[in-house]
Amino acid sequence: MKWEVFATAPDQLTAESWLGLVQNAGIECKLQPGDTVAFLGVSGLPTRIMARSDYVQNALTVLNAYLGNSNDISSDNETTC
């Protein structure tokens, strides 16, 4: 199974919140490994969120529905949702 980044949150706490919203919709997703390091505490750096490649569009749709098409959501290539 291939994973793709579908959004970049401004920090880890925001990413964890977005992750929960998408997971509650039944879409499997996770944080980009390496964007967070548990022993260093919560990261204030941008954190990428990934979904299986066949669910990326659904994940974006769910996230946009909750956040109202906020320009704060960006993918790895800097396109906004």
N, C-alpha and C. Protein backbone atom coordinates (compact mmCIF):
# COMPACT_ATOMS: atom_id res chain seq x y z
N MET A 1 0.84 -1.17 0.00
CA MET A 1 0.00 0.00 0.00
C MET A 1 0.88 1.23 0.00
N LYS A 2 0.55 2.19 -0.84
CA LYS A 2 1.33 3.41 -0.97
C LYS A 2 0.66 4.53 -0.19
N TRP A 3 1.45 5.28 0.56
CA TRP A 3 0.95 6.42 1.33
C TRP A 3 1.38 7.70 0.65
N GLU A 4 0.50 8.72 0.69
CA GLU A 4 0.81 10.02 0.10
C GLU A 4 0.46 11.12 1.09
N VAL A 5 1.25 12.17 1.08
CA VAL A 5 0.96 13.34 1.90
C VAL A 5 -0.21 14.08 1.26
N PHE A 6 -1.23 14.40 2.07
CA PHE A 6 -2.36 15.15 1.53
C PHE A 6 -2.53 16.51 2.18
N ALA A 7 -1.84 16.75 3.29
CA ALA A 7 -1.94 18.05 3.95
C ALA A 7 -0.71 18.27 4.82
N THR A 8 -0.39 19.54 5.04
CA THR A 8 0.67 19.91 5.96
C THR A 8 0.10 20.89 6.97
N ALA A 9 0.13 20.48 8.23
CA ALA A 9 -0.35 21.34 9.31
C ALA A 9 0.79 22.24 9.79
N PRO A 10 0.46 23.38 10.37
CA PRO A 10 1.51 24.29 10.80
C PRO A 10 2.35 23.77 11.98
N ASP A 11 1.79 22.81 12.75
CA ASP A 11 2.51 22.25 13.89
C ASP A 11 1.92 20.88 14.23
N GLN A 12 2.56 20.16 15.15
CA GLN A 12 2.13 18.81 15.48
C GLN A 12 0.75 18.77 16.13
N LEU A 13 0.44 19.70 17.03
CA LEU A 13 -0.87 19.68 17.68
C LEU A 13 -2.00 19.84 16.67
N THR A 14 -1.83 20.74 15.73
CA THR A 14 -2.83 20.92 14.68
C THR A 14 -2.92 19.66 13.83
N ALA A 15 -1.78 19.08 13.50
CA ALA A 15 -1.77 17.85 12.70
C ALA A 15 -2.52 16.72 13.42
N GLU A 16 -2.30 16.59 14.72
CA GLU A 16 -2.99 15.55 15.49
C GLU A 16 -4.51 15.78 15.47
N SER A 17 -4.93 17.02 15.54
CA SER A 17 -6.36 17.34 15.48
C SER A 17 -6.95 16.99 14.12
N TRP A 18 -6.26 17.40 13.06
CA TRP A 18 -6.72 17.09 11.71
C TRP A 18 -6.75 15.59 11.48
N LEU A 19 -5.74 14.89 11.99
CA LEU A 19 -5.66 13.44 11.86
C LEU A 19 -6.91 12.80 12.47
N GLY A 20 -7.29 13.26 13.66
CA GLY A 20 -8.48 12.73 14.32
C GLY A 20 -9.75 12.96 13.52
N LEU A 21 -9.89 14.15 12.93
CA LEU A 21 -11.08 14.44 12.13
C LEU A 21 -11.20 13.48 10.95
N VAL A 22 -10.10 13.26 10.27
CA VAL A 22 -10.12 12.39 9.09
C VAL A 22 -10.32 10.93 9.51
N GLN A 23 -9.67 10.51 10.58
CA GLN A 23 -9.84 9.13 11.05
C GLN A 23 -11.27 8.87 11.51
N ASN A 24 -11.91 9.86 12.12
CA ASN A 24 -13.31 9.70 12.55
C ASN A 24 -14.25 9.51 11.37
N ALA A 25 -13.82 9.92 10.19
CA ALA A 25 -14.61 9.72 8.97
C ALA A 25 -14.34 8.35 8.36
N GLY A 26 -13.49 7.55 9.02
CA GLY A 26 -13.23 6.20 8.55
C GLY A 26 -12.09 6.08 7.55
N ILE A 27 -11.27 7.11 7.44
CA ILE A 27 -10.16 7.09 6.50
C ILE A 27 -8.87 6.86 7.29
N GLU A 28 -8.14 5.83 6.90
CA GLU A 28 -6.88 5.52 7.56
C GLU A 28 -5.84 6.55 7.17
N CYS A 29 -5.23 7.18 8.18
CA CYS A 29 -4.19 8.16 7.91
C CYS A 29 -3.20 8.17 9.06
N LYS A 30 -2.07 8.83 8.83
CA LYS A 30 -1.02 8.88 9.84
C LYS A 30 -0.16 10.11 9.61
N LEU A 31 0.65 10.44 10.63
CA LEU A 31 1.59 11.53 10.47
C LEU A 31 2.81 11.03 9.73
N GLN A 32 3.43 11.90 8.96
CA GLN A 32 4.65 11.55 8.23
C GLN A 32 5.73 11.16 9.22
N PRO A 33 6.23 9.92 9.13
CA PRO A 33 7.32 9.54 10.03
C PRO A 33 8.50 10.50 9.87
N GLY A 34 9.08 10.91 10.96
CA GLY A 34 10.20 11.84 10.92
C GLY A 34 9.82 13.28 11.16
N ASP A 35 8.54 13.63 10.99
CA ASP A 35 8.11 15.00 11.27
C ASP A 35 7.97 15.24 12.77
N THR A 36 7.80 14.16 13.52
CA THR A 36 7.68 14.26 14.98
C THR A 36 8.68 13.29 15.60
N VAL A 37 9.21 13.70 16.72
CA VAL A 37 10.13 12.84 17.46
C VAL A 37 9.66 12.86 18.91
N ALA A 38 9.11 11.74 19.38
CA ALA A 38 8.45 11.66 20.67
C ALA A 38 9.31 12.15 21.84
N PHE A 39 10.57 11.79 21.86
CA PHE A 39 11.38 12.14 23.03
C PHE A 39 11.71 13.63 23.11
N LEU A 40 11.45 14.37 22.04
CA LEU A 40 11.69 15.81 22.05
C LEU A 40 10.46 16.61 22.42
N GLY A 41 9.33 15.94 22.65
CA GLY A 41 8.09 16.63 22.97
C GLY A 41 7.32 16.99 21.72
N VAL A 42 6.37 17.89 21.87
CA VAL A 42 5.51 18.29 20.77
C VAL A 42 6.26 19.23 19.84
N SER A 43 6.18 18.95 18.55
CA SER A 43 6.90 19.75 17.56
C SER A 43 6.11 20.98 17.17
N GLY A 44 6.79 22.10 17.09
CA GLY A 44 6.18 23.33 16.61
C GLY A 44 6.43 23.54 15.12
N LEU A 45 7.02 22.54 14.49
CA LEU A 45 7.34 22.63 13.06
C LEU A 45 6.21 22.05 12.21
N PRO A 46 6.14 22.42 10.94
CA PRO A 46 5.12 21.85 10.05
C PRO A 46 5.15 20.32 10.08
N THR A 47 3.96 19.74 10.09
CA THR A 47 3.82 18.29 10.19
C THR A 47 2.91 17.80 9.07
N ARG A 48 3.40 16.83 8.31
CA ARG A 48 2.65 16.32 7.16
C ARG A 48 1.73 15.17 7.58
N ILE A 49 0.58 15.12 6.93
CA ILE A 49 -0.41 14.07 7.19
C ILE A 49 -0.56 13.24 5.93
N MET A 50 -0.53 11.93 6.11
CA MET A 50 -0.56 11.01 4.98
C MET A 50 -1.81 10.13 5.02
N ALA A 51 -2.26 9.73 3.85
CA ALA A 51 -3.33 8.75 3.69
C ALA A 51 -2.92 7.78 2.59
N ARG A 52 -3.56 6.62 2.57
CA ARG A 52 -3.31 5.70 1.46
C ARG A 52 -3.67 6.41 0.17
N SER A 53 -2.90 6.15 -0.87
CA SER A 53 -3.04 6.91 -2.11
C SER A 53 -4.45 6.87 -2.69
N ASP A 54 -5.17 5.77 -2.49
CA ASP A 54 -6.53 5.69 -3.04
C ASP A 54 -7.56 6.45 -2.20
N TYR A 55 -7.15 7.01 -1.06
CA TYR A 55 -8.07 7.76 -0.20
C TYR A 55 -7.67 9.22 -0.03
N VAL A 56 -6.68 9.68 -0.75
CA VAL A 56 -6.20 11.04 -0.59
C VAL A 56 -7.30 12.06 -0.87
N GLN A 57 -8.01 11.91 -1.98
CA GLN A 57 -9.08 12.86 -2.32
C GLN A 57 -10.16 12.87 -1.26
N ASN A 58 -10.54 11.70 -0.76
CA ASN A 58 -11.56 11.62 0.29
C ASN A 58 -11.07 12.31 1.56
N ALA A 59 -9.81 12.11 1.90
CA ALA A 59 -9.24 12.74 3.09
C ALA A 59 -9.28 14.26 2.97
N LEU A 60 -8.91 14.78 1.80
CA LEU A 60 -8.96 16.22 1.57
C LEU A 60 -10.38 16.76 1.66
N THR A 61 -11.32 16.02 1.10
CA THR A 61 -12.72 16.44 1.14
C THR A 61 -13.22 16.53 2.58
N VAL A 62 -12.90 15.52 3.38
CA VAL A 62 -13.32 15.52 4.79
C VAL A 62 -12.68 16.68 5.53
N LEU A 63 -11.39 16.86 5.37
CA LEU A 63 -10.69 17.93 6.07
C LEU A 63 -11.22 19.30 5.66
N ASN A 64 -11.46 19.49 4.38
CA ASN A 64 -12.02 20.77 3.91
C ASN A 64 -13.42 20.99 4.44
N ALA A 65 -14.19 19.93 4.59
CA ALA A 65 -15.55 20.07 5.12
C ALA A 65 -15.51 20.58 6.56
N TYR A 66 -14.58 20.09 7.34
CA TYR A 66 -14.46 20.54 8.73
C TYR A 66 -13.84 21.92 8.85
N LEU A 67 -12.88 22.22 8.01
CA LEU A 67 -12.14 23.46 8.15
C LEU A 67 -12.62 24.57 7.22
N GLY A 68 -13.61 24.28 6.40
CA GLY A 68 -14.17 25.31 5.54
C GLY A 68 -13.22 25.80 4.47
N ASN A 69 -12.49 24.88 3.83
CA ASN A 69 -11.55 25.22 2.76
C ASN A 69 -10.51 26.24 3.20
N SER A 70 -10.04 26.10 4.41
CA SER A 70 -9.03 27.00 4.95
C SER A 70 -7.77 26.97 4.10
N ASN A 71 -7.15 28.12 3.93
CA ASN A 71 -5.90 28.19 3.18
C ASN A 71 -4.72 27.71 4.01
N ASP A 72 -4.97 27.35 5.28
CA ASP A 72 -3.90 26.84 6.13
C ASP A 72 -3.49 25.43 5.76
N ILE A 73 -4.34 24.70 5.03
CA ILE A 73 -4.03 23.33 4.66
C ILE A 73 -3.22 23.39 3.37
N SER A 74 -2.04 22.79 3.39
CA SER A 74 -1.27 22.73 2.16
C SER A 74 -0.68 21.36 2.01
N SER A 75 -0.52 20.96 0.77
CA SER A 75 0.09 19.68 0.49
C SER A 75 1.59 19.87 0.36
N ASP A 76 2.29 18.80 0.10
CA ASP A 76 3.74 18.87 0.00
C ASP A 76 4.20 19.80 -1.12
N ASN A 77 3.42 19.92 -2.17
CA ASN A 77 3.84 20.77 -3.28
C ASN A 77 3.25 22.18 -3.20
N GLU A 78 2.82 22.57 -1.99
CA GLU A 78 2.35 23.91 -1.69
C GLU A 78 1.03 24.30 -2.32
N THR A 79 0.25 23.35 -2.84
CA THR A 79 -1.09 23.70 -3.29
C THR A 79 -1.99 23.72 -2.08
N THR A 80 -2.93 24.64 -2.04
CA THR A 80 -3.83 24.75 -0.91
C THR A 80 -5.17 24.15 -1.26
N CYS A 81 -5.86 23.77 -0.23
CA CYS A 81 -7.17 23.13 -0.41
C CYS A 81 -8.27 24.16 -0.33
